Amino acid sequence: MDLVNVNGSILKRDEAGLRVDDHSYRYGEGLFETMKVAKGKSLLERFHFERLFRDVEILKLKLPALISPPMLANEVLKLCSKNNCDELSRVRLSASGGNGGLYDGDERFQYIIECWPLEPSISKLNENGLVIGIYPEARKSCDHFSNIKSANFLSYVMAAKYGKQQRFNDCMVMNVHERICDATTANIFWIKEEKIFTPPLSEGCIAGVMRRWLIEKMQDAGYSIGEANCEVTDLENAEEIFLTNAIHGIRWVKQFNGKMYTNSFTKNIYKEFVEPQRF
């Protein structure tokens, strides 16, 4: 059974649709959350909904009174249950800001929830390290909207296409300062002399929920973790690199720009923080 939730109504996927003047489709005025559900529970639920409602406020979307984190969280789990994938699934919650033109739109908040089953192996640290590269054609801005997981995902879409052509497992996106901000579907961390670094949000990266959770956990555990601008040479001189997102948790990188990396420190981080949570 392949069902979706459109503004609270459960529909078959092939019966669901958007208006042609939907703002998310027409202008990219929208956002989305990619969540992981395991054993009937939304992982990192608080972080996801804090980000979603913060970004709704930044985009000045008008929320109906009945829309709240608990209400949407319940809708997510209900859909997973109806699709028989609440044991382990990926969920996409998309929202848009209305229909019509720029000046005559109705500004009616709309949402769609989708879910797909996941293989149990998704929750394990990858056995084979990733091969990553850099997408050369885009430069992401570092402005008020850069950290939003926006429906306007063009730079990342094109980076993913380029990465596929180059046979990369993931592709890094640069910002306007010619520095690396993140990857197509993940935030990036690198390790040098047992110190862990990741680009600050001011560098234009998506404000990843797994990034936030892991930074907090590592800080509480006394790890040397800090934010730093990421030059290409920082990755080339690193001892280890790993990527994070809400679906995979952590994935370690084996190769970048011809350099090979180990994963011993990354493996310890995974075993201490991610594995016990079964992300």
Protein backbone atom coordinates (compact mmCIF):
# COMPACT_ATOMS: atom_id res chain seq x y z
CA MET A 1 0.00 0.00 0.00
CA ASP A 2 1.54 3.32 -1.08
CA LEU A 3 -0.30 6.11 0.70
CA VAL A 4 0.58 9.76 1.27
CA ASN A 5 -0.78 12.44 3.56
CA VAL A 6 -1.88 15.66 1.84
CA ASN A 7 -2.98 18.32 4.34
CA GLY A 8 -4.29 15.67 6.68
CA SER A 9 -6.04 13.51 4.08
CA ILE A 10 -4.66 10.02 3.39
CA LEU A 11 -4.60 9.37 -0.35
CA LYS A 12 -3.12 6.88 -2.77
CA ARG A 13 0.07 8.30 -4.25
CA ASP A 14 -1.30 8.32 -7.80
CA GLU A 15 -4.37 10.24 -6.61
CA ALA A 16 -2.42 12.99 -4.84
CA GLY A 17 -1.28 16.17 -6.53
CA LEU A 18 -0.42 19.86 -6.28
CA ARG A 19 -2.03 22.82 -7.95
CA VAL A 20 -0.02 24.15 -10.87
CA ASP A 21 0.36 27.48 -9.05
CA ASP A 22 1.61 25.95 -5.79
CA HIS A 23 4.33 28.28 -4.44
CA SER A 24 6.76 25.46 -3.69
CA TYR A 25 6.50 24.18 -7.27
CA ARG A 26 6.36 27.58 -8.96
CA TYR A 27 8.84 29.58 -6.89
CA GLY A 28 10.63 27.17 -4.59
CA GLU A 29 8.86 28.79 -1.61
CA GLY A 30 8.81 25.80 0.62
CA LEU A 31 10.88 23.51 2.80
CA PHE A 32 11.14 19.90 3.80
CA GLU A 33 12.30 17.56 6.54
CA THR A 34 13.79 14.12 5.94
CA MET A 35 13.14 12.00 9.02
CA LYS A 36 13.82 8.46 10.13
CA VAL A 37 11.22 6.34 11.91
CA ALA A 38 12.32 3.23 13.78
CA LYS A 39 10.12 0.88 15.82
CA GLY A 40 7.21 3.31 15.71
CA LYS A 41 9.25 6.29 16.90
CA SER A 42 10.50 9.34 15.01
CA LEU A 43 14.22 9.70 15.72
CA LEU A 44 15.52 13.18 16.56
CA GLU A 45 11.90 14.29 16.52
CA ARG A 46 12.42 17.40 18.66
CA PHE A 47 15.32 18.59 16.54
CA HIS A 48 13.39 18.07 13.30
CA PHE A 49 10.36 20.03 14.43
CA GLU A 50 12.40 22.79 16.02
CA ARG A 51 14.13 23.27 12.66
CA LEU A 52 10.90 23.01 10.69
CA PHE A 53 9.04 25.61 12.75
CA ARG A 54 12.08 27.92 12.88
CA ASP A 55 12.32 27.79 9.09
CA VAL A 56 8.57 28.33 8.73
CA GLU A 57 9.02 31.53 10.72
CA ILE A 58 12.01 32.62 8.61
CA LEU A 59 9.98 32.11 5.41
CA LYS A 60 7.01 33.88 7.02
CA LEU A 61 4.63 31.05 6.21
CA LYS A 62 1.24 31.43 7.85
CA LEU A 63 0.40 28.40 9.97
CA PRO A 64 -3.20 27.39 10.73
CA ALA A 65 -3.88 27.13 14.46
CA LEU A 66 -4.20 23.34 14.34
CA ILE A 67 -0.69 22.81 12.91
CA SER A 68 1.74 22.00 15.73
CA PRO A 69 4.76 19.73 16.27
CA PRO A 70 2.72 17.08 18.16
CA MET A 71 0.02 17.10 15.47
CA LEU A 72 2.51 16.67 12.60
CA ALA A 73 4.52 14.08 14.54
CA ASN A 74 1.34 12.04 15.02
CA GLU A 75 0.52 12.35 11.31
CA VAL A 76 3.99 11.05 10.43
CA LEU A 77 3.65 7.93 12.58
CA LYS A 78 0.08 7.31 11.45
CA LEU A 79 1.13 7.31 7.79
CA CYS A 80 4.06 4.98 8.46
CA SER A 81 1.70 2.59 10.21
CA LYS A 82 -0.79 2.65 7.33
CA ASN A 83 2.04 1.92 4.89
CA ASN A 84 3.30 -0.93 7.12
CA CYS A 85 6.76 0.60 7.40
CA ASP A 86 6.81 1.95 10.95
CA GLU A 87 9.50 -0.60 11.88
CA LEU A 88 12.07 1.31 9.81
CA SER A 89 11.34 4.02 7.27
CA ARG A 90 12.39 7.28 5.68
CA VAL A 91 9.87 10.11 5.86
CA ARG A 92 9.72 13.31 3.85
CA LEU A 93 7.54 16.10 5.25
CA SER A 94 7.21 18.89 2.68
CA ALA A 95 5.56 22.27 3.23
CA SER A 96 4.72 25.15 0.93
CA GLY A 97 3.48 28.68 1.40
CA GLY A 98 0.35 28.88 -0.68
CA ASN A 99 -0.98 29.10 -4.23
CA GLY A 100 -1.13 31.82 -6.87
CA GLY A 101 1.18 34.64 -7.90
CA LEU A 102 3.78 36.54 -5.93
CA TYR A 103 1.39 39.38 -5.03
CA ASP A 104 -2.00 37.71 -5.26
CA GLY A 105 -1.36 34.33 -3.65
CA ASP A 106 -3.63 32.88 -0.98
CA GLU A 107 -0.70 32.13 1.41
CA ARG A 108 -2.41 28.91 2.51
CA PHE A 109 0.07 26.65 4.29
CA GLN A 110 0.09 23.16 2.84
CA TYR A 111 1.97 19.99 3.71
CA ILE A 112 2.61 16.56 2.25
CA ILE A 113 3.99 13.55 4.14
CA GLU A 114 5.53 10.58 2.31
CA CYS A 115 7.27 7.47 3.65
CA TRP A 116 9.31 4.56 2.30
CA PRO A 117 10.65 1.41 4.01
CA LEU A 118 14.38 1.18 4.72
CA GLU A 119 16.73 -1.79 4.82
CA PRO A 120 18.19 -2.56 8.29
CA SER A 121 21.71 -2.10 6.89
CA ILE A 122 21.02 1.66 6.64
CA SER A 123 21.61 1.90 10.40
CA LYS A 124 25.10 0.38 10.29
CA LEU A 125 28.40 2.14 9.68
CA ASN A 126 29.26 1.71 6.01
CA GLU A 127 31.78 -1.09 5.44
CA ASN A 128 33.13 0.46 2.26
CA GLY A 129 34.27 4.06 2.64
CA LEU A 130 32.74 6.74 0.43
CA VAL A 131 34.51 8.33 -2.50
CA ILE A 132 33.67 12.04 -2.61
CA GLY A 133 34.45 14.99 -4.87
CA ILE A 134 33.58 18.66 -5.38
CA TYR A 135 30.86 20.07 -7.62
CA PRO A 136 32.55 22.90 -9.56
CA GLU A 137 29.56 24.76 -11.03
CA ALA A 138 27.71 26.21 -8.02
CA ARG A 139 28.58 28.58 -5.19
CA LYS A 140 26.12 28.64 -2.32
CA SER A 141 25.31 31.97 -0.69
CA CYS A 142 25.84 32.61 3.02
CA ASP A 143 22.71 34.58 3.86
CA HIS A 144 19.60 34.51 6.04
CA PHE A 145 18.15 31.57 4.11
CA SER A 146 21.23 29.40 3.58
CA ASN A 147 20.69 27.02 6.50
CA ILE A 148 17.09 26.19 5.53
CA LYS A 149 16.32 22.82 4.00
CA SER A 150 14.55 24.62 1.20
CA ALA A 151 12.43 23.31 -1.66
CA ASN A 152 14.79 25.35 -3.82
CA PHE A 153 17.43 22.61 -3.80
CA LEU A 154 18.96 23.28 -7.21
CA SER A 155 22.64 23.46 -6.22
CA TYR A 156 22.39 20.12 -4.43
CA VAL A 157 20.39 18.49 -7.22
CA MET A 158 22.99 19.47 -9.80
CA ALA A 159 25.82 18.42 -7.48
CA ALA A 160 24.18 15.01 -7.09
CA LYS A 161 23.89 14.64 -10.87
CA TYR A 162 27.53 15.61 -11.29
CA GLY A 163 28.58 13.20 -8.56
CA LYS A 164 26.72 10.36 -10.25
CA GLN A 165 28.43 11.15 -13.57
CA GLN A 166 31.83 11.15 -11.86
CA ARG A 167 31.00 7.98 -9.89
CA PHE A 168 31.31 9.74 -6.55
CA ASN A 169 29.28 8.48 -3.61
CA ASP A 170 28.62 12.08 -2.60
CA CYS A 171 29.60 15.52 -3.81
CA MET A 172 30.74 18.58 -1.86
CA VAL A 173 29.13 21.98 -2.44
CA MET A 174 31.21 25.17 -2.26
CA ASN A 175 30.09 28.57 -0.96
CA VAL A 176 30.73 32.03 -2.40
CA HIS A 177 33.99 32.22 -0.44
CA GLU A 178 35.36 29.19 -2.35
CA ARG A 179 35.12 27.02 0.77
CA ILE A 180 33.31 23.74 1.30
CA CYS A 181 30.02 24.11 3.17
CA ASP A 182 28.42 20.64 3.00
CA ALA A 183 27.52 17.70 0.76
CA THR A 184 24.45 16.98 -1.36
CA THR A 185 22.61 15.16 1.44
CA ALA A 186 24.87 15.53 4.47
CA ASN A 187 27.03 17.72 6.66
CA ILE A 188 30.77 17.18 6.63
CA PHE A 189 33.23 16.63 9.49
CA TRP A 190 36.97 16.11 9.36
CA ILE A 191 39.49 14.90 11.95
CA LYS A 192 43.05 16.13 12.43
CA GLU A 193 45.22 15.10 15.38
CA GLU A 194 42.15 13.82 17.29
CA LYS A 195 40.39 17.18 16.87
CA ILE A 196 37.04 17.19 15.07
CA PHE A 197 35.92 20.06 12.86
CA THR A 198 32.82 20.99 10.87
CA PRO A 199 31.91 24.19 8.99
CA PRO A 200 29.87 26.73 10.99
CA LEU A 201 26.35 27.57 9.85
CA SER A 202 27.64 30.99 8.78
CA GLU A 203 29.40 29.16 5.91
CA GLY A 204 26.02 28.43 4.29
CA CYS A 205 25.58 24.76 5.15
CA ILE A 206 22.20 23.18 5.85
CA ALA A 207 21.49 23.18 9.59
CA GLY A 208 21.45 19.39 9.82
CA VAL A 209 19.69 17.83 12.79
CA MET A 210 22.21 14.98 13.01
CA ARG A 211 25.01 17.55 12.87
CA ARG A 212 23.46 19.44 15.79
CA TRP A 213 22.77 16.30 17.84
CA LEU A 214 26.25 14.86 17.34
CA ILE A 215 28.04 18.12 18.16
CA GLU A 216 26.10 18.38 21.43
CA LYS A 217 26.79 14.75 22.36
CA MET A 218 30.51 14.98 21.59
CA GLN A 219 30.86 18.25 23.51
CA ASP A 220 29.13 16.74 26.54
CA ALA A 221 31.48 13.73 26.34
CA GLY A 222 34.58 15.95 26.33
CA TYR A 223 35.63 15.50 22.71
CA SER A 224 37.61 18.26 21.03
CA ILE A 225 34.95 19.41 18.56
CA GLY A 226 34.81 22.83 16.97
CA GLU A 227 33.56 24.80 13.99
CA ALA A 228 36.03 26.00 11.36
CA ASN A 229 35.97 27.20 7.78
CA CYS A 230 36.68 24.30 5.45
CA GLU A 231 39.24 24.89 2.73
CA VAL A 232 39.89 22.12 0.23
CA THR A 233 43.35 21.75 1.78
CA ASP A 234 41.77 21.08 5.19
CA LEU A 235 40.19 17.94 3.80
CA GLU A 236 43.33 16.99 1.90
CA ASN A 237 45.37 17.28 5.11
CA ALA A 238 42.81 15.56 7.34
CA GLU A 239 43.32 12.09 8.75
CA GLU A 240 39.64 11.13 8.59
CA ILE A 241 36.44 12.52 7.08
CA PHE A 242 32.85 11.56 7.77
CA LEU A 243 29.40 12.70 6.66
CA THR A 244 26.26 12.92 8.77
CA ASN A 245 22.54 12.99 8.13
CA ALA A 246 19.34 11.83 9.79
CA ILE A 247 18.95 8.68 7.68
CA HIS A 248 22.46 7.19 7.69
CA GLY A 249 23.74 8.70 10.93
CA ILE A 250 27.46 8.61 10.11
CA ARG A 251 29.24 7.47 6.94
CA TRP A 252 33.01 7.45 6.69
CA VAL A 253 34.93 8.71 3.66
CA LYS A 254 37.63 6.57 2.08
CA GLN A 255 38.86 8.87 -0.71
CA PHE A 256 38.90 12.55 -1.69
CA ASN A 257 41.04 14.18 -4.39
CA GLY A 258 43.11 11.02 -4.68
CA LYS A 259 43.90 10.79 -0.95
CA MET A 260 42.94 7.70 1.05
CA TYR A 261 41.61 7.98 4.61
CA THR A 262 41.29 5.68 7.61
CA ASN A 263 38.24 5.39 9.88
CA SER A 264 39.45 4.29 13.34
CA PHE A 265 38.47 7.53 15.12
CA THR A 266 35.21 7.77 13.18
CA LYS A 267 34.39 4.18 14.11
CA ASN A 268 34.81 5.03 17.80
CA ILE A 269 32.46 8.01 17.42
CA TYR A 270 29.91 5.81 15.70
CA LYS A 271 30.08 3.10 18.38
CA GLU A 272 29.87 5.57 21.26
CA PHE A 273 27.08 7.82 20.03
CA VAL A 274 25.25 6.55 16.96
CA GLU A 275 25.09 2.77 17.35
CA PRO A 276 23.39 2.83 20.77
CA GLN A 277 20.64 5.05 19.36
CA ARG A 278 20.18 2.81 16.29
CA PHE A 279 20.03 5.79 13.92
